[in-house]
Amino acid sequence: IPITHTFTPFATRRAFDQITISIAYADLPVKMMGTDPGVTAELNGGTHMSFEDAGIMRNLPNVTVVEPADAAQFKAMFEQIVYYPKPIYVRMYRRRKEKFFDDDMKFEIGKIATLKDGSDITIICSGLMVGQAMIATQMLEKDGISVRLLNMHTLKPVDEETIVKAAKETGRIVVAENHSIINGWGSAVAEVLAEHYPVPMKRIGVKDHFGEVGLTDFLLKKYKMTAQDIYDAAMELLKR
């Protein structure tokens, strides 16, 4: 079982041509692990801080893209991807101690997980941003707002059914991602909504620029990706 592992910029942009020809085009079941994505690259700085890795891999035919949020979800995911019959890119975190899920959690590739049901607004999140989205949900609920919280751990294939259902039932969506808002989770959700059920939405993530040196919490504030930013985006949508 071929498994590769390195930092996200090396796992994607540096090896892109070989991945395209030798793995994706050949449709081989290689498991590609990219670590320290987005702002969690921290002191590696702008050249080694990959905000585009999932978007790169999402573009390739045959390639599945997933992002676990914590160790429990990674364990549940890994048990499936080891024998997954297609190429798969796993956007994973090191050195993170947050725990969001139980050790016996259930996981299904390609199926969004509902962390909390709600009727006023939907927050869709993945990876690092699950924690920020959970805090934002608590903040909104203190204001009497009913939040549907969805964990979109699989970027590709996209779970269109769950996204459209959330749009129909809540009418507003915020997407929070530790990635560029271009060709990432927000883009994927926007594409589904544009084709099937347009509703007002906001994207929380990295805008069109490179990274810089800084600890994760500093960079989350710098790029306006904190729980407060998710809360503010939700409140703006609710006022429409």
C-alpha atoms as a PDB file:
ATOM      1  CA  ILE A   1       0.000   0.000   0.000  1.00  0.00           C
ATOM      2  CA  PRO A   2       1.814   3.189  -1.153  1.00  0.00           C
ATOM      3  CA  ILE A   3       1.641   6.035   1.365  1.00  0.00           C
ATOM      4  CA  THR A   4       3.551   9.299   0.933  1.00  0.00           C
ATOM      5  CA  HIS A   5       4.074  11.914   3.632  1.00  0.00           C
ATOM      6  CA  THR A   6       5.644  15.377   3.691  1.00  0.00           C
ATOM      7  CA  PHE A   7       4.750  19.041   4.234  1.00  0.00           C
ATOM      8  CA  THR A   8       1.839  20.335   2.132  1.00  0.00           C
ATOM      9  CA  PRO A   9       3.849  22.549  -0.279  1.00  0.00           C
ATOM     10  CA  PHE A  10       6.112  19.616  -1.120  1.00  0.00           C
ATOM     11  CA  ALA A  11       3.247  17.119  -1.278  1.00  0.00           C
ATOM     12  CA  THR A  12       1.297  19.204  -3.784  1.00  0.00           C
ATOM     13  CA  ARG A  13       2.842  22.110  -5.670  1.00  0.00           C
ATOM     14  CA  ARG A  14       6.391  20.744  -5.907  1.00  0.00           C
ATOM     15  CA  ALA A  15       5.287  17.267  -6.990  1.00  0.00           C
ATOM     16  CA  PHE A  16       2.237  18.322  -8.997  1.00  0.00           C
ATOM     17  CA  ASP A  17       3.306  17.149 -12.458  1.00  0.00           C
ATOM     18  CA  GLN A  18       4.379  13.739 -11.238  1.00  0.00           C
ATOM     19  CA  ILE A  19       1.197  13.363  -9.183  1.00  0.00           C
ATOM     20  CA  THR A  20      -0.847  14.306 -12.249  1.00  0.00           C
ATOM     21  CA  ILE A  21       0.792  11.793 -14.592  1.00  0.00           C
ATOM     22  CA  SER A  22       1.964   8.964 -12.351  1.00  0.00           C
ATOM     23  CA  ILE A  23      -0.896   8.867  -9.837  1.00  0.00           C
ATOM     24  CA  ALA A  24      -4.044  10.720 -10.967  1.00  0.00           C
ATOM     25  CA  TYR A  25      -3.899   9.902 -14.685  1.00  0.00           C
ATOM     26  CA  ALA A  26      -2.963   6.311 -13.893  1.00  0.00           C
ATOM     27  CA  ASP A  27      -5.722   6.234 -11.251  1.00  0.00           C
ATOM     28  CA  LEU A  28      -3.496   4.485  -8.723  1.00  0.00           C
ATOM     29  CA  PRO A  29      -4.590   4.143  -5.060  1.00  0.00           C
ATOM     30  CA  VAL A  30      -1.744   6.164  -3.565  1.00  0.00           C
ATOM     31  CA  LYS A  31      -2.412   7.783  -0.189  1.00  0.00           C
ATOM     32  CA  MET A  32      -0.771  11.233  -0.152  1.00  0.00           C
ATOM     33  CA  MET A  33      -0.403  12.869   3.267  1.00  0.00           C
ATOM     34  CA  GLY A  34       0.315  16.597   3.443  1.00  0.00           C
ATOM     35  CA  THR A  35       1.061  18.056   6.886  1.00  0.00           C
ATOM     36  CA  ASP A  36       1.039  21.530   8.451  1.00  0.00           C
ATOM     37  CA  PRO A  37      -1.482  23.070   6.030  1.00  0.00           C
ATOM     38  CA  GLY A  38      -2.397  26.731   5.934  1.00  0.00           C
ATOM     39  CA  VAL A  39      -1.635  28.860   8.979  1.00  0.00           C
ATOM     40  CA  THR A  40      -0.400  25.848  10.991  1.00  0.00           C
ATOM     41  CA  ALA A  41       2.860  26.022   9.016  1.00  0.00           C
ATOM     42  CA  GLU A  42       3.592  28.893  11.440  1.00  0.00           C
ATOM     43  CA  LEU A  43       7.324  29.658  11.483  1.00  0.00           C
ATOM     44  CA  ASN A  44       7.945  28.115   8.056  1.00  0.00           C
ATOM     45  CA  GLY A  45       6.843  31.424   6.577  1.00  0.00           C
ATOM     46  CA  GLY A  46       5.292  32.476   3.297  1.00  0.00           C
ATOM     47  CA  THR A  47       7.276  30.245   0.961  1.00  0.00           C
ATOM     48  CA  HIS A  48       6.332  27.085   2.856  1.00  0.00           C
ATOM     49  CA  MET A  49       2.829  28.072   3.955  1.00  0.00           C
ATOM     50  CA  SER A  50       0.421  26.381   1.576  1.00  0.00           C
ATOM     51  CA  PHE A  51      -2.998  27.978   1.230  1.00  0.00           C
ATOM     52  CA  GLU A  52      -3.671  26.332  -2.137  1.00  0.00           C
ATOM     53  CA  ASP A  53      -2.801  22.654  -1.649  1.00  0.00           C
ATOM     54  CA  ALA A  54      -6.337  21.269  -1.393  1.00  0.00           C
ATOM     55  CA  GLY A  55      -7.392  23.375  -4.372  1.00  0.00           C
ATOM     56  CA  ILE A  56      -4.517  21.989  -6.425  1.00  0.00           C
ATOM     57  CA  MET A  57      -5.484  18.410  -5.631  1.00  0.00           C
ATOM     58  CA  ARG A  58      -9.192  19.109  -6.070  1.00  0.00           C
ATOM     59  CA  ASN A  59      -8.519  19.986  -9.708  1.00  0.00           C
ATOM     60  CA  LEU A  60      -7.167  16.538 -10.541  1.00  0.00           C
ATOM     61  CA  PRO A  61      -9.540  13.885 -11.912  1.00  0.00           C
ATOM     62  CA  ASN A  62      -9.727  10.679  -9.833  1.00  0.00           C
ATOM     63  CA  VAL A  63      -8.291  12.327  -6.688  1.00  0.00           C
ATOM     64  CA  THR A  64     -10.276  12.431  -3.433  1.00  0.00           C
ATOM     65  CA  VAL A  65      -9.432  15.210  -0.928  1.00  0.00           C
ATOM     66  CA  VAL A  66     -10.073  14.949   2.827  1.00  0.00           C
ATOM     67  CA  GLU A  67      -9.116  16.963   5.922  1.00  0.00           C
ATOM     68  CA  PRO A  68      -9.462  15.498   9.439  1.00  0.00           C
ATOM     69  CA  ALA A  69      -9.900  17.907  12.343  1.00  0.00           C
ATOM     70  CA  ASP A  70      -8.319  15.952  15.197  1.00  0.00           C
ATOM     71  CA  ALA A  71      -6.627  12.655  16.080  1.00  0.00           C
ATOM     72  CA  ALA A  72      -9.899  10.771  16.574  1.00  0.00           C
ATOM     73  CA  GLN A  73     -11.200  11.782  13.173  1.00  0.00           C
ATOM     74  CA  PHE A  74      -7.870  10.984  11.544  1.00  0.00           C
ATOM     75  CA  LYS A  75      -7.915   7.514  13.090  1.00  0.00           C
ATOM     76  CA  ALA A  76     -11.452   6.848  11.869  1.00  0.00           C
ATOM     77  CA  MET A  77     -10.520   8.205   8.456  1.00  0.00           C
ATOM     78  CA  PHE A  78      -7.259   6.288   8.174  1.00  0.00           C
ATOM     79  CA  GLU A  79      -8.986   2.968   8.711  1.00  0.00           C
ATOM     80  CA  GLN A  80     -10.935   3.683   5.521  1.00  0.00           C
ATOM     81  CA  ILE A  81      -8.313   5.309   3.325  1.00  0.00           C
ATOM     82  CA  VAL A  82      -5.715   2.553   3.726  1.00  0.00           C
ATOM     83  CA  TYR A  83      -7.794   0.362   1.421  1.00  0.00           C
ATOM     84  CA  TYR A  84      -9.459   3.174  -0.518  1.00  0.00           C
ATOM     85  CA  PRO A  85      -9.388   2.205  -4.219  1.00  0.00           C
ATOM     86  CA  LYS A  86      -8.595   5.686  -5.589  1.00  0.00           C
ATOM     87  CA  PRO A  87      -5.835   8.293  -5.206  1.00  0.00           C
ATOM     88  CA  ILE A  88      -6.493  10.304  -2.054  1.00  0.00           C
ATOM     89  CA  TYR A  89      -4.930  13.431  -0.559  1.00  0.00           C
ATOM     90  CA  VAL A  90      -5.137  13.777   3.220  1.00  0.00           C
ATOM     91  CA  ARG A  91      -4.630  17.303   4.542  1.00  0.00           C
ATOM     92  CA  MET A  92      -3.517  16.596   8.098  1.00  0.00           C
ATOM     93  CA  TYR A  93      -2.270  18.398  11.188  1.00  0.00           C
ATOM     94  CA  ARG A  94       0.682  17.813  13.491  1.00  0.00           C
ATOM     95  CA  ARG A  95       1.233  19.172  16.993  1.00  0.00           C
ATOM     96  CA  ARG A  96      -2.459  19.985  17.461  1.00  0.00           C
ATOM     97  CA  LYS A  97      -3.880  18.937  20.840  1.00  0.00           C
ATOM     98  CA  GLU A  98      -7.505  19.969  20.372  1.00  0.00           C
ATOM     99  CA  LYS A  99     -10.040  17.167  20.674  1.00  0.00           C
ATOM    100  CA  PHE A 100     -13.384  17.638  18.951  1.00  0.00           C
ATOM    101  CA  PHE A 101     -14.619  14.083  18.428  1.00  0.00           C
ATOM    102  CA  ASP A 102     -15.025  10.907  20.476  1.00  0.00           C
ATOM    103  CA  ASP A 103     -12.529   8.109  19.905  1.00  0.00           C
ATOM    104  CA  ASP A 104     -15.269   5.835  18.554  1.00  0.00           C
ATOM    105  CA  MET A 105     -16.638   8.387  16.086  1.00  0.00           C
ATOM    106  CA  LYS A 106     -18.074   7.230  12.760  1.00  0.00           C
ATOM    107  CA  PHE A 107     -16.666   8.557   9.512  1.00  0.00           C
ATOM    108  CA  GLU A 108     -17.724   8.271   5.893  1.00  0.00           C
ATOM    109  CA  ILE A 109     -15.647   9.630   3.015  1.00  0.00           C
ATOM    110  CA  GLY A 110     -17.717  12.006   0.893  1.00  0.00           C
ATOM    111  CA  LYS A 111     -20.456  12.548   3.485  1.00  0.00           C
ATOM    112  CA  ILE A 112     -20.666  15.774   5.500  1.00  0.00           C
ATOM    113  CA  ALA A 113     -20.984  15.178   9.252  1.00  0.00           C
ATOM    114  CA  THR A 114     -23.692  17.084  11.119  1.00  0.00           C
ATOM    115  CA  LEU A 115     -22.195  18.260  14.416  1.00  0.00           C
ATOM    116  CA  LYS A 116     -25.292  20.213  15.432  1.00  0.00           C
ATOM    117  CA  ASP A 117     -28.686  20.785  13.870  1.00  0.00           C
ATOM    118  CA  GLY A 118     -30.200  24.240  13.558  1.00  0.00           C
ATOM    119  CA  SER A 119     -32.646  26.303  11.524  1.00  0.00           C
ATOM    120  CA  ASP A 120     -31.453  29.930  11.292  1.00  0.00           C
ATOM    121  CA  ILE A 121     -28.032  29.629   9.646  1.00  0.00           C
ATOM    122  CA  THR A 122     -25.497  26.977   8.619  1.00  0.00           C
ATOM    123  CA  ILE A 123     -21.779  27.041   9.369  1.00  0.00           C
ATOM    124  CA  ILE A 124     -19.674  24.653   7.284  1.00  0.00           C
ATOM    125  CA  CYS A 125     -16.136  23.970   8.488  1.00  0.00           C
ATOM    126  CA  SER A 126     -13.214  21.571   8.197  1.00  0.00           C
ATOM    127  CA  GLY A 127      -9.870  20.821   9.807  1.00  0.00           C
ATOM    128  CA  LEU A 128      -8.450  23.546  12.021  1.00  0.00           C
ATOM    129  CA  MET A 129     -11.572  25.656  11.599  1.00  0.00           C
ATOM    130  CA  VAL A 130     -13.835  23.144  13.340  1.00  0.00           C
ATOM    131  CA  GLY A 131     -12.695  24.546  16.683  1.00  0.00           C
ATOM    132  CA  GLN A 132     -13.287  28.160  15.654  1.00  0.00           C
ATOM    133  CA  ALA A 133     -16.694  27.252  14.221  1.00  0.00           C
ATOM    134  CA  MET A 134     -17.705  25.498  17.445  1.00  0.00           C
ATOM    135  CA  ILE A 135     -16.868  28.609  19.462  1.00  0.00           C
ATOM    136  CA  ALA A 136     -18.727  30.836  16.998  1.00  0.00           C
ATOM    137  CA  THR A 137     -21.742  28.529  17.252  1.00  0.00           C
ATOM    138  CA  GLN A 138     -21.776  28.927  21.034  1.00  0.00           C
ATOM    139  CA  MET A 139     -21.552  32.706  20.658  1.00  0.00           C
ATOM    140  CA  LEU A 140     -24.474  32.777  18.232  1.00  0.00           C
ATOM    141  CA  GLU A 141     -26.596  30.504  20.394  1.00  0.00           C
ATOM    142  CA  LYS A 142     -26.130  32.875  23.328  1.00  0.00           C
ATOM    143  CA  ASP A 143     -27.879  35.421  21.099  1.00  0.00           C
ATOM    144  CA  GLY A 144     -30.752  33.012  20.544  1.00  0.00           C
ATOM    145  CA  ILE A 145     -29.703  31.978  17.033  1.00  0.00           C
ATOM    146  CA  SER A 146     -30.195  28.364  15.956  1.00  0.00           C
ATOM    147  CA  VAL A 147     -27.047  27.163  14.154  1.00  0.00           C
ATOM    148  CA  ARG A 148     -26.578  24.111  11.978  1.00  0.00           C
ATOM    149  CA  LEU A 149     -22.902  23.115  12.237  1.00  0.00           C
ATOM    150  CA  LEU A 150     -21.532  20.887   9.481  1.00  0.00           C
ATOM    151  CA  ASN A 151     -18.085  19.301   9.247  1.00  0.00           C
ATOM    152  CA  MET A 152     -17.157  19.104   5.553  1.00  0.00           C
ATOM    153  CA  HIS A 153     -14.161  16.843   6.063  1.00  0.00           C
ATOM    154  CA  THR A 154     -14.269  15.746   2.409  1.00  0.00           C
ATOM    155  CA  LEU A 155     -13.625  18.498  -0.131  1.00  0.00           C
ATOM    156  CA  LYS A 156     -13.898  16.103  -3.059  1.00  0.00           C
ATOM    157  CA  PRO A 157     -16.248  14.443  -3.808  1.00  0.00           C
ATOM    158  CA  VAL A 158     -18.597  17.169  -2.613  1.00  0.00           C
ATOM    159  CA  ASP A 159     -21.668  16.155  -0.637  1.00  0.00           C
ATOM    160  CA  GLU A 160     -24.103  18.228  -2.688  1.00  0.00           C
ATOM    161  CA  GLU A 161     -27.199  16.738  -1.076  1.00  0.00           C
ATOM    162  CA  THR A 162     -26.323  17.886   2.452  1.00  0.00           C
ATOM    163  CA  ILE A 163     -25.297  21.361   1.273  1.00  0.00           C
ATOM    164  CA  VAL A 164     -28.516  21.898  -0.671  1.00  0.00           C
ATOM    165  CA  LYS A 165     -30.587  20.588   2.241  1.00  0.00           C
ATOM    166  CA  ALA A 166     -28.896  23.074   4.583  1.00  0.00           C
ATOM    167  CA  ALA A 167     -29.481  25.914   2.133  1.00  0.00           C
ATOM    168  CA  LYS A 168     -33.179  25.094   1.836  1.00  0.00           C
ATOM    169  CA  GLU A 169     -33.712  24.678   5.570  1.00  0.00           C
ATOM    170  CA  THR A 170     -31.576  27.524   6.978  1.00  0.00           C
ATOM    171  CA  GLY A 171     -31.349  30.005   4.092  1.00  0.00           C
ATOM    172  CA  ARG A 172     -27.831  31.268   4.898  1.00  0.00           C
ATOM    173  CA  ILE A 173     -24.385  29.660   4.917  1.00  0.00           C
ATOM    174  CA  VAL A 174     -20.959  30.602   6.288  1.00  0.00           C
ATOM    175  CA  VAL A 175     -17.977  28.501   5.194  1.00  0.00           C
ATOM    176  CA  ALA A 176     -14.831  28.533   7.359  1.00  0.00           C
ATOM    177  CA  GLU A 177     -11.608  27.040   5.992  1.00  0.00           C
ATOM    178  CA  ASN A 178      -7.877  27.070   6.731  1.00  0.00           C
ATOM    179  CA  HIS A 179      -7.196  27.535   3.031  1.00  0.00           C
ATOM    180  CA  SER A 180      -7.475  30.122   0.307  1.00  0.00           C
ATOM    181  CA  ILE A 181     -11.077  31.066  -0.364  1.00  0.00           C
ATOM    182  CA  ILE A 182     -10.184  30.509  -4.031  1.00  0.00           C
ATOM    183  CA  ASN A 183     -10.843  26.914  -5.134  1.00  0.00           C
ATOM    184  CA  GLY A 184     -11.242  25.556  -1.621  1.00  0.00           C
ATOM    185  CA  TRP A 185     -14.192  24.705   0.606  1.00  0.00           C
ATOM    186  CA  GLY A 186     -15.965  28.024   0.118  1.00  0.00           C
ATOM    187  CA  SER A 187     -15.637  27.755  -3.643  1.00  0.00           C
ATOM    188  CA  ALA A 188     -16.957  24.191  -3.638  1.00  0.00           C
ATOM    189  CA  VAL A 189     -20.006  25.171  -1.584  1.00  0.00           C
ATOM    190  CA  ALA A 190     -20.626  28.264  -3.735  1.00  0.00           C
ATOM    191  CA  GLU A 191     -20.541  26.127  -6.885  1.00  0.00           C
ATOM    192  CA  VAL A 192     -23.180  23.789  -5.464  1.00  0.00           C
ATOM    193  CA  LEU A 193     -25.401  26.665  -4.355  1.00  0.00           C
ATOM    194  CA  ALA A 194     -25.064  28.500  -7.680  1.00  0.00           C
ATOM    195  CA  GLU A 195     -26.238  25.454  -9.613  1.00  0.00           C
ATOM    196  CA  HIS A 196     -28.890  24.079  -7.274  1.00  0.00           C
ATOM    197  CA  TYR A 197     -30.184  26.523  -4.634  1.00  0.00           C
ATOM    198  CA  PRO A 198     -28.616  30.005  -4.349  1.00  0.00           C
ATOM    199  CA  VAL A 199     -28.690  31.547  -0.871  1.00  0.00           C
ATOM    200  CA  PRO A 200     -26.635  34.319   0.778  1.00  0.00           C
ATOM    201  CA  MET A 201     -23.240  33.042   1.932  1.00  0.00           C
ATOM    202  CA  LYS A 202     -19.926  34.222   3.358  1.00  0.00           C
ATOM    203  CA  ARG A 203     -16.467  32.682   3.054  1.00  0.00           C
ATOM    204  CA  ILE A 204     -14.027  32.825   5.967  1.00  0.00           C
ATOM    205  CA  GLY A 205     -10.497  31.924   4.911  1.00  0.00           C
ATOM    206  CA  VAL A 206      -7.298  33.286   3.423  1.00  0.00           C
ATOM    207  CA  LYS A 207      -7.807  35.968   0.803  1.00  0.00           C
ATOM    208  CA  ASP A 208      -5.670  36.222  -2.344  1.00  0.00           C
ATOM    209  CA  HIS A 209      -2.203  36.557  -0.794  1.00  0.00           C
ATOM    210  CA  PHE A 210       0.804  34.619   0.469  1.00  0.00           C
ATOM    211  CA  GLY A 211       1.456  33.695   4.084  1.00  0.00           C
ATOM    212  CA  GLU A 212       3.984  34.979   6.590  1.00  0.00           C
ATOM    213  CA  VAL A 213       5.813  33.913   9.740  1.00  0.00           C
ATOM    214  CA  GLY A 214       3.604  33.721  12.819  1.00  0.00           C
ATOM    215  CA  LEU A 215       1.995  31.393  15.330  1.00  0.00           C
ATOM    216  CA  THR A 216      -1.395  29.937  14.461  1.00  0.00           C
ATOM    217  CA  ASP A 217      -3.452  32.173  16.775  1.00  0.00           C
ATOM    218  CA  PHE A 218      -1.690  35.293  15.487  1.00  0.00           C
ATOM    219  CA  LEU A 219      -2.280  34.315  11.860  1.00  0.00           C
ATOM    220  CA  LEU A 220      -5.934  33.455  12.465  1.00  0.00           C
ATOM    221  CA  LYS A 221      -6.439  36.996  13.761  1.00  0.00           C
ATOM    222  CA  LYS A 222      -4.307  38.506  10.994  1.00  0.00           C
ATOM    223  CA  TYR A 223      -6.347  36.835   8.256  1.00  0.00           C
ATOM    224  CA  LYS A 224      -9.705  37.334  10.031  1.00  0.00           C
ATOM    225  CA  MET A 225     -10.362  33.614  10.532  1.00  0.00           C
ATOM    226  CA  THR A 226     -11.248  33.562  14.238  1.00  0.00           C
ATOM    227  CA  ALA A 227     -14.496  32.539  15.899  1.00  0.00           C
ATOM    228  CA  GLN A 228     -15.332  36.238  16.184  1.00  0.00           C
ATOM    229  CA  ASP A 229     -14.941  36.651  12.422  1.00  0.00           C
ATOM    230  CA  ILE A 230     -17.244  33.685  11.799  1.00  0.00           C
ATOM    231  CA  TYR A 231     -19.746  35.173  14.248  1.00  0.00           C
ATOM    232  CA  ASP A 232     -19.587  38.573  12.538  1.00  0.00           C
ATOM    233  CA  ALA A 233     -20.116  37.001   9.105  1.00  0.00           C
ATOM    234  CA  ALA A 234     -23.122  35.078  10.389  1.00  0.00           C
ATOM    235  CA  MET A 235     -24.646  38.181  11.965  1.00  0.00           C
ATOM    236  CA  GLU A 236     -24.204  40.106   8.727  1.00  0.00           C
ATOM    237  CA  LEU A 237     -26.078  37.400   6.826  1.00  0.00           C
ATOM    238  CA  LEU A 238     -28.833  37.297   9.432  1.00  0.00           C
ATOM    239  CA  LYS A 239     -29.448  41.030   8.975  1.00  0.00           C
ATOM    240  CA  ARG A 240     -30.174  40.633   5.272  1.00  0.00           C
END
